[in-house]
N, C-alpha and C. Protein backbone atom coordinates (compact mmCIF):
# COMPACT_ATOMS: atom_id res chain seq x y z
N MET A 1 80.21 118.99 135.16
CA MET A 1 80.00 118.04 134.06
C MET A 1 80.12 116.62 134.59
N ALA A 2 79.28 115.73 134.10
CA ALA A 2 79.32 114.34 134.54
C ALA A 2 80.09 113.51 133.54
N PHE A 3 80.85 112.56 134.03
CA PHE A 3 81.61 111.68 133.16
C PHE A 3 81.28 110.24 133.51
N ARG A 4 81.04 109.43 132.53
CA ARG A 4 80.78 108.01 132.74
C ARG A 4 82.08 107.26 132.53
N SER A 5 82.32 106.23 133.32
CA SER A 5 83.58 105.52 133.22
C SER A 5 83.35 104.05 132.95
N LEU A 6 84.43 103.38 132.59
CA LEU A 6 84.40 101.93 132.51
C LEU A 6 84.27 101.42 133.92
N CYS A 7 83.20 100.69 134.23
CA CYS A 7 82.89 100.34 135.60
C CYS A 7 83.19 98.88 135.85
N LEU A 8 84.34 98.61 136.41
CA LEU A 8 84.75 97.23 136.62
C LEU A 8 84.96 96.91 138.09
N LEU A 9 84.73 97.85 139.00
CA LEU A 9 85.07 97.58 140.37
C LEU A 9 84.45 98.58 141.30
N GLY A 10 84.56 98.36 142.59
CA GLY A 10 84.30 99.43 143.49
C GLY A 10 83.29 99.22 144.58
N ALA A 11 83.08 98.02 145.12
CA ALA A 11 82.09 97.90 146.14
C ALA A 11 82.22 96.61 146.90
N VAL A 12 81.13 96.27 147.58
CA VAL A 12 81.09 95.03 148.31
C VAL A 12 79.79 94.33 148.08
N ALA A 13 79.82 93.04 147.97
CA ALA A 13 78.58 92.36 147.74
C ALA A 13 78.34 91.36 148.83
N PHE A 14 77.14 91.30 149.35
CA PHE A 14 76.82 90.47 150.50
C PHE A 14 75.55 89.70 150.22
N CYS A 15 75.56 88.38 150.36
CA CYS A 15 74.37 87.61 150.09
C CYS A 15 74.17 86.57 151.16
N PHE A 16 73.13 86.69 151.97
CA PHE A 16 72.87 85.76 153.05
C PHE A 16 71.40 85.43 153.12
N VAL A 17 71.01 84.25 152.69
CA VAL A 17 69.63 83.86 152.89
C VAL A 17 69.53 82.41 153.26
N GLY A 18 70.44 81.59 152.73
CA GLY A 18 70.42 80.19 153.08
C GLY A 18 70.62 79.99 154.57
N CYS A 19 71.23 80.98 155.25
CA CYS A 19 71.44 80.87 156.69
C CYS A 19 70.47 81.76 157.44
N GLY A 20 69.29 81.93 156.89
CA GLY A 20 68.28 82.68 157.60
C GLY A 20 68.23 84.14 157.24
N ALA A 21 68.86 84.53 156.14
CA ALA A 21 68.86 85.94 155.77
C ALA A 21 67.57 86.31 155.09
N THR A 22 67.20 87.56 155.21
CA THR A 22 66.04 88.06 154.50
C THR A 22 66.41 89.34 153.80
N LEU A 23 65.82 89.57 152.66
CA LEU A 23 66.03 90.80 151.91
C LEU A 23 64.68 91.37 151.57
N GLU A 24 64.48 92.63 151.86
CA GLU A 24 63.21 93.26 151.57
C GLU A 24 63.43 94.35 150.54
N PRO A 25 62.54 94.50 149.54
CA PRO A 25 61.28 93.78 149.43
C PRO A 25 61.36 92.50 148.62
N SER A 26 62.46 92.24 147.89
CA SER A 26 62.50 91.05 147.05
C SER A 26 63.84 90.35 147.22
N ALA A 27 63.79 89.03 147.44
CA ALA A 27 64.99 88.25 147.63
C ALA A 27 65.85 88.28 146.38
N GLY A 28 67.16 88.38 146.58
CA GLY A 28 68.09 88.36 145.48
C GLY A 28 68.39 89.72 144.87
N ARG A 29 67.63 90.73 145.22
CA ARG A 29 67.87 92.06 144.64
C ARG A 29 69.15 92.64 145.22
N PRO A 30 70.09 93.07 144.38
CA PRO A 30 71.37 93.58 144.89
C PRO A 30 71.20 94.87 145.69
N MET A 31 72.06 95.02 146.69
CA MET A 31 72.13 96.23 147.50
C MET A 31 73.57 96.72 147.51
N VAL A 32 73.73 98.03 147.66
CA VAL A 32 75.04 98.62 147.90
C VAL A 32 74.99 99.34 149.24
N VAL A 33 75.96 99.06 150.09
CA VAL A 33 76.10 99.81 151.34
C VAL A 33 77.39 100.61 151.24
N TYR A 34 77.25 101.93 151.26
CA TYR A 34 78.39 102.84 151.21
C TYR A 34 78.86 103.15 152.62
N ALA A 35 80.17 103.19 152.83
CA ALA A 35 80.73 103.36 154.17
C ALA A 35 80.59 104.77 154.71
N SER A 36 80.17 105.71 153.87
CA SER A 36 79.99 107.09 154.33
C SER A 36 78.84 107.73 153.59
N GLN A 37 78.46 108.90 154.04
CA GLN A 37 77.40 109.67 153.43
C GLN A 37 77.90 110.35 152.15
N SER A 38 76.96 110.82 151.32
CA SER A 38 77.32 111.53 150.11
C SER A 38 78.21 112.72 150.44
N GLY A 39 79.35 112.81 149.74
CA GLY A 39 80.30 113.89 149.98
C GLY A 39 81.27 113.62 151.11
N GLY A 40 81.10 112.48 151.81
CA GLY A 40 81.90 112.20 152.99
C GLY A 40 83.15 111.39 152.71
N ALA A 41 84.13 111.53 153.59
CA ALA A 41 85.35 110.75 153.53
C ALA A 41 85.24 109.55 154.47
N THR A 42 86.20 108.64 154.38
CA THR A 42 86.28 107.52 155.32
C THR A 42 87.66 107.53 155.97
N LEU A 43 87.78 106.87 157.11
CA LEU A 43 89.02 106.83 157.86
C LEU A 43 89.83 105.59 157.49
N ASP A 44 91.16 105.75 157.40
CA ASP A 44 92.04 104.62 157.09
C ASP A 44 92.77 104.13 158.33
N ASN A 45 92.69 104.85 159.42
CA ASN A 45 93.41 104.45 160.63
C ASN A 45 92.54 104.66 161.86
N GLY A 46 91.31 104.15 161.77
CA GLY A 46 90.40 104.24 162.90
C GLY A 46 90.56 103.05 163.82
N GLU A 47 89.48 102.71 164.53
CA GLU A 47 89.51 101.56 165.44
C GLU A 47 89.87 100.29 164.68
N GLY A 48 90.81 99.52 165.21
CA GLY A 48 91.26 98.31 164.54
C GLY A 48 92.36 98.56 163.53
N GLY A 49 92.81 99.82 163.42
CA GLY A 49 93.89 100.13 162.50
C GLY A 49 93.46 100.30 161.07
N GLY A 50 92.16 100.45 160.83
CA GLY A 50 91.67 100.60 159.46
C GLY A 50 90.39 101.39 159.43
N ASN A 51 89.50 101.04 158.52
CA ASN A 51 88.23 101.74 158.34
C ASN A 51 87.23 101.28 159.41
N PRO A 52 86.58 102.20 160.12
CA PRO A 52 85.56 101.80 161.09
C PRO A 52 84.46 100.95 160.48
N PHE A 53 84.19 101.13 159.19
CA PHE A 53 83.21 100.32 158.47
C PHE A 53 83.64 98.86 158.47
N ALA A 54 84.93 98.60 158.20
CA ALA A 54 85.45 97.24 158.24
C ALA A 54 85.45 96.69 159.66
N SER A 55 85.80 97.53 160.62
CA SER A 55 85.79 97.10 162.02
C SER A 55 84.39 96.67 162.45
N ALA A 56 83.39 97.44 162.04
CA ALA A 56 82.01 97.11 162.38
C ALA A 56 81.59 95.79 161.73
N LEU A 57 81.96 95.60 160.47
CA LEU A 57 81.61 94.37 159.76
C LEU A 57 82.24 93.16 160.44
N VAL A 58 83.53 93.25 160.76
CA VAL A 58 84.22 92.13 161.40
C VAL A 58 83.57 91.79 162.73
N GLU A 59 83.23 92.79 163.50
CA GLU A 59 82.59 92.55 164.81
C GLU A 59 81.22 91.91 164.64
N LEU A 60 80.44 92.40 163.70
CA LEU A 60 79.08 91.87 163.52
C LEU A 60 79.08 90.45 162.97
N LEU A 61 80.11 90.08 162.21
CA LEU A 61 80.18 88.72 161.69
C LEU A 61 80.35 87.69 162.79
N GLU A 62 80.70 88.13 164.00
CA GLU A 62 80.80 87.23 165.15
C GLU A 62 79.45 86.99 165.80
N GLU A 63 78.45 87.80 165.45
CA GLU A 63 77.15 87.72 166.10
C GLU A 63 76.27 86.65 165.45
N PRO A 64 75.35 86.04 166.21
CA PRO A 64 74.43 85.06 165.63
C PRO A 64 73.54 85.65 164.55
N THR A 65 73.11 86.88 164.75
CA THR A 65 72.23 87.54 163.79
C THR A 65 72.82 88.89 163.43
N VAL A 66 72.85 89.19 162.14
CA VAL A 66 73.41 90.45 161.66
C VAL A 66 72.38 91.15 160.80
N ASP A 67 72.19 92.42 161.06
CA ASP A 67 71.28 93.25 160.28
C ASP A 67 72.09 94.40 159.69
N ILE A 68 71.79 94.76 158.43
CA ILE A 68 72.51 95.86 157.80
C ILE A 68 72.32 97.15 158.59
N ALA A 69 71.17 97.30 159.22
CA ALA A 69 70.95 98.47 160.06
C ALA A 69 71.97 98.53 161.20
N ASP A 70 72.37 97.36 161.70
CA ASP A 70 73.38 97.32 162.76
C ASP A 70 74.74 97.75 162.22
N LEU A 71 75.04 97.38 160.97
CA LEU A 71 76.30 97.79 160.35
C LEU A 71 76.36 99.31 160.23
N VAL A 72 75.25 99.91 159.84
CA VAL A 72 75.18 101.37 159.73
C VAL A 72 75.40 102.01 161.10
N ASP A 73 74.67 101.52 162.10
CA ASP A 73 74.74 102.13 163.44
C ASP A 73 76.11 101.94 164.08
N LEU A 74 76.69 100.74 163.93
CA LEU A 74 77.97 100.48 164.57
C LEU A 74 79.09 101.26 163.89
N THR A 75 79.01 101.44 162.57
CA THR A 75 80.00 102.27 161.88
C THR A 75 79.95 103.70 162.37
N LYS A 76 78.75 104.24 162.54
CA LYS A 76 78.60 105.59 163.10
C LYS A 76 79.27 105.68 164.46
N LYS A 77 79.02 104.67 165.29
CA LYS A 77 79.57 104.67 166.65
C LYS A 77 81.09 104.59 166.63
N LYS A 78 81.64 103.67 165.83
CA LYS A 78 83.08 103.47 165.81
C LYS A 78 83.82 104.65 165.19
N SER A 79 83.16 105.38 164.30
CA SER A 79 83.79 106.56 163.69
C SER A 79 83.43 107.85 164.42
N ARG A 80 82.69 107.72 165.53
CA ARG A 80 82.24 108.87 166.32
C ARG A 80 81.45 109.86 165.46
N GLY A 81 80.63 109.30 164.60
CA GLY A 81 79.75 110.11 163.78
C GLY A 81 80.38 110.66 162.52
N PHE A 82 81.65 110.36 162.28
CA PHE A 82 82.33 110.88 161.08
C PHE A 82 81.80 110.20 159.82
N GLN A 83 81.54 108.90 159.90
CA GLN A 83 81.01 108.14 158.77
C GLN A 83 79.56 107.75 159.04
N ILE A 84 78.69 108.07 158.09
CA ILE A 84 77.28 107.72 158.19
C ILE A 84 76.93 106.89 156.96
N PRO A 85 77.01 105.56 157.06
CA PRO A 85 76.76 104.72 155.88
C PRO A 85 75.37 104.91 155.29
N GLU A 86 75.29 104.71 153.99
CA GLU A 86 74.02 104.80 153.27
C GLU A 86 73.80 103.53 152.46
N VAL A 87 72.53 103.15 152.33
CA VAL A 87 72.14 101.94 151.61
C VAL A 87 71.42 102.34 150.33
N ALA A 88 71.74 101.67 149.24
CA ALA A 88 71.06 101.91 147.96
C ALA A 88 70.66 100.58 147.34
N PRO A 89 69.42 100.48 146.82
CA PRO A 89 68.38 101.50 146.86
C PRO A 89 67.92 101.78 148.29
N ALA A 90 67.55 103.02 148.53
CA ALA A 90 67.09 103.42 149.86
C ALA A 90 65.85 102.61 150.24
N GLY A 91 65.79 102.21 151.49
CA GLY A 91 64.63 101.47 151.97
C GLY A 91 64.80 99.97 151.99
N LEU A 92 65.80 99.45 151.28
CA LEU A 92 66.06 98.01 151.33
C LEU A 92 66.80 97.67 152.62
N SER A 93 66.58 96.45 153.10
CA SER A 93 67.29 95.98 154.27
C SER A 93 67.61 94.51 154.10
N ALA A 94 68.65 94.07 154.79
CA ALA A 94 69.04 92.66 154.75
C ALA A 94 69.38 92.21 156.16
N ARG A 95 69.06 90.97 156.46
CA ARG A 95 69.30 90.42 157.79
C ARG A 95 69.65 88.95 157.63
N PHE A 96 70.67 88.49 158.35
CA PHE A 96 71.01 87.08 158.27
C PHE A 96 71.42 86.55 159.62
N THR A 97 71.28 85.23 159.78
CA THR A 97 71.64 84.58 161.03
C THR A 97 72.69 83.52 160.76
N ARG A 98 73.43 83.21 161.78
CA ARG A 98 74.49 82.21 161.66
C ARG A 98 73.88 80.83 161.41
N ALA A 99 74.42 80.12 160.45
CA ALA A 99 73.97 78.75 160.18
C ALA A 99 74.84 77.77 160.97
N GLU A 100 74.25 76.66 161.34
CA GLU A 100 75.03 75.64 162.04
C GLU A 100 76.12 75.08 161.14
N THR A 101 75.78 74.87 159.89
CA THR A 101 76.74 74.36 158.91
C THR A 101 76.61 75.20 157.66
N LEU A 102 77.73 75.71 157.18
CA LEU A 102 77.73 76.51 155.96
C LEU A 102 78.44 75.74 154.86
N ALA A 103 77.78 75.60 153.74
CA ALA A 103 78.39 74.96 152.58
C ALA A 103 79.17 76.01 151.82
N GLY A 104 80.49 75.82 151.68
CA GLY A 104 81.32 76.83 151.06
C GLY A 104 80.86 77.24 149.68
N SER A 105 80.35 76.29 148.90
CA SER A 105 79.93 76.61 147.55
C SER A 105 78.71 77.52 147.52
N GLU A 106 77.96 77.58 148.62
CA GLU A 106 76.75 78.40 148.67
C GLU A 106 77.00 79.80 149.22
N TYR A 107 78.21 80.06 149.69
CA TYR A 107 78.55 81.36 150.27
C TYR A 107 79.86 81.84 149.65
N GLN A 108 79.74 82.77 148.72
CA GLN A 108 80.89 83.20 147.93
C GLN A 108 81.22 84.66 148.20
N ALA A 109 82.51 84.96 148.29
CA ALA A 109 82.92 86.34 148.56
C ALA A 109 84.20 86.68 147.80
N LEU A 110 84.32 87.94 147.47
CA LEU A 110 85.54 88.51 146.91
C LEU A 110 85.88 89.75 147.73
N VAL A 111 87.10 89.79 148.25
CA VAL A 111 87.59 90.96 148.99
C VAL A 111 88.66 91.61 148.13
N LEU A 112 88.36 92.79 147.62
CA LEU A 112 89.19 93.44 146.62
C LEU A 112 89.59 94.83 147.11
N VAL A 113 90.90 95.04 147.23
CA VAL A 113 91.38 96.26 147.88
C VAL A 113 92.53 96.89 147.09
N TYR A 114 92.44 98.19 146.91
CA TYR A 114 93.57 98.98 146.42
C TYR A 114 94.15 99.75 147.60
N SER A 115 95.41 99.50 147.92
CA SER A 115 96.05 100.16 149.05
C SER A 115 97.38 100.81 148.70
N ASP A 116 98.03 100.35 147.64
CA ASP A 116 99.36 100.85 147.25
C ASP A 116 99.23 101.89 146.15
N TYR A 117 99.38 103.15 146.53
CA TYR A 117 99.28 104.26 145.57
C TYR A 117 100.61 104.99 145.42
N ASP A 118 101.72 104.31 145.70
CA ASP A 118 103.04 104.96 145.70
C ASP A 118 103.41 105.57 144.36
N LYS A 119 102.87 105.03 143.27
CA LYS A 119 103.24 105.52 141.93
C LYS A 119 102.26 106.58 141.43
N THR A 120 101.42 107.11 142.32
CA THR A 120 100.42 108.10 141.94
C THR A 120 100.55 109.34 142.83
N GLU A 121 99.68 110.31 142.61
CA GLU A 121 99.64 111.50 143.46
C GLU A 121 98.89 111.24 144.77
N TRP A 122 98.28 110.08 144.91
CA TRP A 122 97.50 109.76 146.09
C TRP A 122 98.38 109.12 147.16
N SER A 123 97.98 109.26 148.40
CA SER A 123 98.69 108.58 149.50
C SER A 123 98.27 107.12 149.55
N SER A 124 99.19 106.26 149.96
CA SER A 124 98.84 104.85 150.12
C SER A 124 97.95 104.67 151.34
N LEU A 125 97.28 103.51 151.40
CA LEU A 125 96.28 103.24 152.43
C LEU A 125 96.63 101.96 153.18
N PRO A 126 97.57 102.03 154.13
CA PRO A 126 97.94 100.82 154.87
C PRO A 126 96.78 100.21 155.64
N GLY A 127 95.86 101.05 156.11
CA GLY A 127 94.70 100.53 156.82
C GLY A 127 93.82 99.68 155.94
N ALA A 128 93.71 100.05 154.66
CA ALA A 128 92.89 99.27 153.73
C ALA A 128 93.45 97.87 153.55
N ASP A 129 94.79 97.75 153.55
CA ASP A 129 95.38 96.42 153.41
C ASP A 129 95.13 95.59 154.66
N ARG A 130 95.18 96.22 155.83
CA ARG A 130 94.83 95.49 157.06
C ARG A 130 93.36 95.06 157.02
N ASP A 131 92.52 95.93 156.50
CA ASP A 131 91.10 95.58 156.38
C ASP A 131 90.89 94.38 155.47
N ARG A 132 91.64 94.33 154.38
CA ARG A 132 91.52 93.18 153.46
C ARG A 132 91.75 91.88 154.22
N LYS A 133 92.78 91.83 155.01
CA LYS A 133 93.14 90.60 155.71
C LYS A 133 92.10 90.24 156.77
N ARG A 134 91.67 91.23 157.55
CA ARG A 134 90.75 90.90 158.65
C ARG A 134 89.33 90.65 158.17
N VAL A 135 88.88 91.35 157.12
CA VAL A 135 87.56 91.07 156.57
C VAL A 135 87.53 89.69 155.95
N ALA A 136 88.57 89.34 155.19
CA ALA A 136 88.63 88.02 154.57
C ALA A 136 88.63 86.92 155.63
N ALA A 137 89.40 87.11 156.70
CA ALA A 137 89.46 86.11 157.77
C ALA A 137 88.10 85.95 158.45
N ALA A 138 87.41 87.06 158.70
CA ALA A 138 86.10 86.99 159.35
C ALA A 138 85.08 86.29 158.47
N LEU A 139 85.14 86.53 157.17
CA LEU A 139 84.21 85.87 156.25
C LEU A 139 84.48 84.37 156.17
N ARG A 140 85.75 83.99 156.14
CA ARG A 140 86.08 82.56 156.11
C ARG A 140 85.58 81.88 157.38
N LYS A 141 85.74 82.55 158.50
CA LYS A 141 85.26 81.99 159.77
C LYS A 141 83.75 81.81 159.74
N LYS A 142 83.08 82.68 159.02
CA LYS A 142 81.62 82.61 158.90
C LYS A 142 81.18 81.52 157.94
N GLY A 143 82.11 80.99 157.14
CA GLY A 143 81.77 79.91 156.23
C GLY A 143 81.83 80.24 154.76
N PHE A 144 82.33 81.43 154.42
CA PHE A 144 82.42 81.83 153.02
C PHE A 144 83.65 81.23 152.35
N ALA A 145 83.49 80.93 151.07
CA ALA A 145 84.63 80.69 150.20
C ALA A 145 85.09 82.06 149.72
N VAL A 146 86.31 82.46 150.08
CA VAL A 146 86.76 83.83 149.87
C VAL A 146 87.95 83.88 148.93
N GLU A 147 87.87 84.76 147.95
CA GLU A 147 89.02 85.11 147.12
C GLU A 147 89.47 86.51 147.52
N GLU A 148 90.78 86.70 147.67
CA GLU A 148 91.33 88.02 147.97
C GLU A 148 92.08 88.55 146.75
N SER A 149 91.95 89.84 146.51
CA SER A 149 92.66 90.49 145.42
C SER A 149 93.23 91.81 145.93
N SER A 150 94.55 91.93 145.91
CA SER A 150 95.23 93.11 146.44
C SER A 150 95.93 93.87 145.32
N ASN A 151 95.53 95.11 145.09
CA ASN A 151 96.14 95.98 144.08
C ASN A 151 96.22 95.32 142.71
N PRO A 152 95.12 94.78 142.22
CA PRO A 152 95.17 94.05 140.94
C PRO A 152 95.34 94.99 139.75
N THR A 153 95.95 94.45 138.69
CA THR A 153 95.91 95.14 137.41
C THR A 153 94.48 95.09 136.89
N ARG A 154 94.19 95.85 135.86
CA ARG A 154 92.83 95.83 135.32
C ARG A 154 92.47 94.45 134.77
N GLU A 155 93.44 93.77 134.19
CA GLU A 155 93.17 92.44 133.67
C GLU A 155 92.87 91.47 134.81
N ALA A 156 93.66 91.56 135.88
CA ALA A 156 93.44 90.69 137.04
C ALA A 156 92.12 91.01 137.73
N LEU A 157 91.79 92.29 137.78
CA LEU A 157 90.52 92.70 138.37
C LEU A 157 89.34 92.12 137.61
N ARG A 158 89.39 92.27 136.30
CA ARG A 158 88.31 91.72 135.48
C ARG A 158 88.17 90.22 135.69
N ALA A 159 89.30 89.52 135.75
CA ALA A 159 89.25 88.07 135.93
C ALA A 159 88.64 87.70 137.28
N SER A 160 88.99 88.44 138.34
CA SER A 160 88.44 88.16 139.67
C SER A 160 86.93 88.36 139.69
N LEU A 161 86.47 89.44 139.07
CA LEU A 161 85.04 89.72 139.03
C LEU A 161 84.28 88.67 138.22
N GLU A 162 84.87 88.24 137.12
CA GLU A 162 84.22 87.22 136.31
C GLU A 162 84.16 85.89 137.05
N ARG A 163 85.21 85.58 137.83
CA ARG A 163 85.17 84.36 138.64
C ARG A 163 84.08 84.46 139.70
N LEU A 164 83.95 85.63 140.31
CA LEU A 164 82.89 85.81 141.31
C LEU A 164 81.52 85.60 140.69
N ALA A 165 81.31 86.16 139.52
CA ALA A 165 80.03 85.99 138.84
C ALA A 165 79.74 84.52 138.58
N GLU A 166 80.74 83.80 138.13
CA GLU A 166 80.56 82.38 137.83
C GLU A 166 80.29 81.58 139.10
N ARG A 167 81.06 81.87 140.16
CA ARG A 167 80.88 81.14 141.42
C ARG A 167 79.54 81.45 142.07
N SER A 168 79.07 82.68 141.92
CA SER A 168 77.85 83.08 142.62
C SER A 168 76.58 82.56 141.94
N LYS A 169 76.69 82.07 140.73
CA LYS A 169 75.50 81.57 140.03
C LYS A 169 74.81 80.45 140.81
N ALA A 170 75.58 79.60 141.45
CA ALA A 170 75.02 78.48 142.20
C ALA A 170 74.96 78.76 143.70
N ALA A 171 75.26 79.99 144.10
CA ALA A 171 75.33 80.34 145.52
C ALA A 171 74.01 80.91 146.03
N LYS A 172 73.85 80.81 147.33
CA LYS A 172 72.73 81.49 147.99
C LYS A 172 73.16 82.89 148.46
N VAL A 173 74.44 83.01 148.77
CA VAL A 173 74.98 84.25 149.31
C VAL A 173 76.22 84.64 148.52
N ALA A 174 76.30 85.92 148.08
CA ALA A 174 77.48 86.41 147.39
C ALA A 174 77.92 87.72 148.02
N LEU A 175 79.21 87.89 148.29
CA LEU A 175 79.68 89.11 148.94
C LEU A 175 80.91 89.65 148.22
N LEU A 176 80.89 90.92 147.92
CA LEU A 176 82.05 91.60 147.34
C LEU A 176 82.39 92.80 148.20
N TYR A 177 83.57 92.79 148.81
CA TYR A 177 84.03 93.93 149.60
C TYR A 177 85.12 94.63 148.81
N VAL A 178 84.93 95.92 148.54
CA VAL A 178 85.89 96.68 147.74
C VAL A 178 86.19 98.01 148.42
N THR A 179 87.47 98.37 148.42
CA THR A 179 87.84 99.68 148.95
C THR A 179 89.13 100.17 148.32
N GLY A 180 89.40 101.42 148.54
CA GLY A 180 90.55 102.14 147.99
C GLY A 180 90.18 103.61 148.00
N HIS A 181 90.94 104.44 147.33
CA HIS A 181 90.53 105.84 147.19
C HIS A 181 89.27 105.89 146.33
N GLY A 182 88.42 106.88 146.59
CA GLY A 182 87.19 107.00 145.83
C GLY A 182 86.68 108.42 145.83
N CYS A 183 85.63 108.65 145.04
CA CYS A 183 85.02 109.98 144.97
C CYS A 183 83.59 109.86 144.48
N GLU A 184 82.88 110.97 144.49
CA GLU A 184 81.53 111.03 143.96
C GLU A 184 81.44 112.16 142.94
N ASN A 185 80.82 111.87 141.79
CA ASN A 185 80.66 112.86 140.73
C ASN A 185 79.28 112.70 140.12
N ASN A 186 78.49 113.78 140.16
CA ASN A 186 77.15 113.75 139.57
C ASN A 186 76.31 112.58 140.10
N GLU A 187 76.35 112.39 141.42
CA GLU A 187 75.56 111.37 142.12
C GLU A 187 75.99 109.94 141.80
N GLN A 188 77.14 109.76 141.19
CA GLN A 188 77.71 108.43 140.98
C GLN A 188 78.98 108.30 141.82
N VAL A 189 79.15 107.14 142.43
CA VAL A 189 80.31 106.90 143.29
C VAL A 189 81.32 106.04 142.53
N TYR A 190 82.59 106.43 142.62
CA TYR A 190 83.65 105.76 141.86
C TYR A 190 84.78 105.32 142.78
N LEU A 191 85.32 104.14 142.50
CA LEU A 191 86.57 103.70 143.08
C LEU A 191 87.69 104.16 142.15
N LEU A 192 88.77 104.65 142.72
CA LEU A 192 89.90 105.12 141.94
C LEU A 192 91.05 104.14 142.13
N PRO A 193 91.32 103.29 141.14
CA PRO A 193 92.38 102.28 141.27
C PRO A 193 93.76 102.93 141.32
N ASN A 194 94.77 102.12 141.57
CA ASN A 194 96.10 102.70 141.78
C ASN A 194 96.85 103.01 140.50
N ASP A 195 96.13 103.07 139.38
CA ASP A 195 96.72 103.65 138.17
C ASP A 195 95.99 104.95 137.79
N PHE A 196 95.17 105.47 138.71
CA PHE A 196 94.46 106.72 138.42
C PHE A 196 95.48 107.84 138.30
N PRO A 197 95.51 108.56 137.18
CA PRO A 197 96.66 109.41 136.85
C PRO A 197 96.70 110.77 137.51
N SER A 198 95.68 111.17 138.25
CA SER A 198 95.63 112.54 138.75
C SER A 198 94.71 112.61 139.96
N LYS A 199 94.80 113.72 140.70
CA LYS A 199 93.84 113.97 141.77
C LYS A 199 92.61 114.70 141.25
N GLU A 200 92.58 114.98 139.96
CA GLU A 200 91.45 115.65 139.34
C GLU A 200 90.58 114.64 138.59
N PHE A 201 89.26 114.78 138.73
CA PHE A 201 88.32 113.93 138.01
C PHE A 201 87.83 114.72 136.80
N THR A 202 88.40 114.42 135.64
CA THR A 202 88.11 115.17 134.42
C THR A 202 87.67 114.21 133.32
N GLU A 203 87.33 114.78 132.19
CA GLU A 203 86.94 113.94 131.05
C GLU A 203 88.07 113.02 130.64
N GLU A 204 89.31 113.48 130.81
CA GLU A 204 90.46 112.66 130.42
C GLU A 204 90.75 111.55 131.43
N THR A 205 90.54 111.82 132.71
CA THR A 205 90.87 110.81 133.73
C THR A 205 89.69 109.91 134.11
N ALA A 206 88.48 110.29 133.70
CA ALA A 206 87.29 109.55 134.12
C ALA A 206 87.32 108.09 133.68
N SER A 207 87.97 107.81 132.55
CA SER A 207 87.98 106.44 132.05
C SER A 207 88.76 105.49 132.95
N TYR A 208 89.58 106.03 133.86
CA TYR A 208 90.32 105.20 134.80
C TYR A 208 89.49 104.84 136.04
N ALA A 209 88.42 105.58 136.26
CA ALA A 209 87.61 105.37 137.46
C ALA A 209 86.66 104.19 137.28
N LEU A 210 86.25 103.60 138.39
CA LEU A 210 85.43 102.40 138.37
C LEU A 210 84.14 102.66 139.14
N GLU A 211 83.02 102.56 138.48
CA GLU A 211 81.73 102.89 139.09
C GLU A 211 81.28 101.79 140.04
N VAL A 212 81.01 102.18 141.28
CA VAL A 212 80.67 101.20 142.31
C VAL A 212 79.36 100.49 142.00
N GLU A 213 78.36 101.24 141.62
CA GLU A 213 77.03 100.66 141.41
C GLU A 213 77.05 99.54 140.38
N SER A 214 77.92 99.65 139.38
CA SER A 214 77.95 98.64 138.32
C SER A 214 78.43 97.28 138.81
N MET A 215 79.09 97.25 139.99
CA MET A 215 79.61 96.00 140.51
C MET A 215 78.50 95.01 140.85
N GLN A 216 77.30 95.50 141.02
CA GLN A 216 76.18 94.61 141.34
C GLN A 216 75.96 93.57 140.26
N ALA A 217 76.37 93.86 139.04
CA ALA A 217 76.15 92.94 137.93
C ALA A 217 76.90 91.63 138.09
N TYR A 218 77.92 91.62 138.95
CA TYR A 218 78.72 90.41 139.15
C TYR A 218 78.20 89.56 140.31
N LEU A 219 77.09 89.95 140.90
CA LEU A 219 76.52 89.22 142.03
C LEU A 219 75.25 88.52 141.59
N LEU A 220 75.32 87.20 141.51
CA LEU A 220 74.23 86.43 140.91
C LEU A 220 73.65 85.38 141.85
N ALA A 221 73.85 85.52 143.14
CA ALA A 221 73.33 84.55 144.10
C ALA A 221 71.81 84.61 144.15
N SER A 222 71.22 83.52 144.60
CA SER A 222 69.76 83.40 144.53
C SER A 222 69.02 84.19 145.60
N ASP A 223 69.65 84.35 146.77
CA ASP A 223 68.89 84.88 147.91
C ASP A 223 69.22 86.32 148.26
N VAL A 224 70.49 86.62 148.51
CA VAL A 224 70.88 87.97 148.90
C VAL A 224 72.17 88.35 148.19
N ASN A 225 72.22 89.55 147.65
CA ASN A 225 73.43 90.08 147.03
C ASN A 225 73.68 91.48 147.59
N LEU A 226 74.80 91.63 148.30
CA LEU A 226 75.07 92.89 148.99
C LEU A 226 76.45 93.40 148.61
N VAL A 227 76.54 94.65 148.24
CA VAL A 227 77.80 95.29 147.89
C VAL A 227 78.20 96.23 149.02
N LEU A 228 79.41 96.08 149.53
CA LEU A 228 79.92 96.94 150.60
C LEU A 228 81.12 97.72 150.07
N TYR A 229 80.99 99.02 150.03
CA TYR A 229 82.04 99.88 149.50
C TYR A 229 82.64 100.71 150.63
N GLY A 230 83.96 100.54 150.84
CA GLY A 230 84.60 101.19 151.97
C GLY A 230 85.30 102.50 151.67
N GLY A 231 85.32 102.94 150.41
CA GLY A 231 86.07 104.13 150.05
C GLY A 231 85.33 105.43 150.30
N CYS A 232 86.02 106.54 150.01
CA CYS A 232 85.44 107.88 150.20
C CYS A 232 84.40 108.20 149.13
N ARG A 233 83.61 109.23 149.44
CA ARG A 233 82.62 109.75 148.49
C ARG A 233 82.74 111.28 148.39
N THR A 234 83.94 111.78 148.56
CA THR A 234 84.16 113.22 148.46
C THR A 234 83.86 113.69 147.04
N TYR A 235 83.31 114.89 146.93
CA TYR A 235 82.87 115.40 145.63
C TYR A 235 84.06 115.79 144.77
N LYS A 236 83.97 115.42 143.48
CA LYS A 236 84.97 115.81 142.49
C LYS A 236 84.27 116.43 141.29
């Protein structure tokens, strides 16, 4: 049975065009890049002490030119084939180059991570918290104005997303990086925040889950909008 949830979180958004980015087939169309294949898990203690997906992103942000295809390939390499990222919609690609000068107001990012699950049946994710810090630092170095949100309440989460939407209206590039525990149900991917009451995805617990795809609605930059989701996609 499929369950629809209140979708307030769960991905990453990336927007790069003012610095030479291109998005095919249409500029500004949101993309989601999932850190693993359908049904797949992700690593919390891989290379760099966290998710290989985050390690690949941090490394590529140092390069003059970054292609989403490179993020997919490097994640595969760093995870030794355990994680095979997927892009949605299938067939879209994004590519950006380093700008000599980046205007902070034109490059907006939110790094949102759930790592503390001590009050739930789930294990905590220390690697995800390390990823929050290093991804945010790499984005700032690249010229982004970055907001970080660690283990937010639902009210704080909503406020962060609404701020991102407002900030991205005048931006060329918008990025949202989200991770935590996650799952896949009926071809929809969900982030499970740290108030998720059970390890079972049921009609009763589904309302606590956050649909990743819906996060694209908070990305309003003119040129490129990319969502990067670092959590698992194991079937529930």
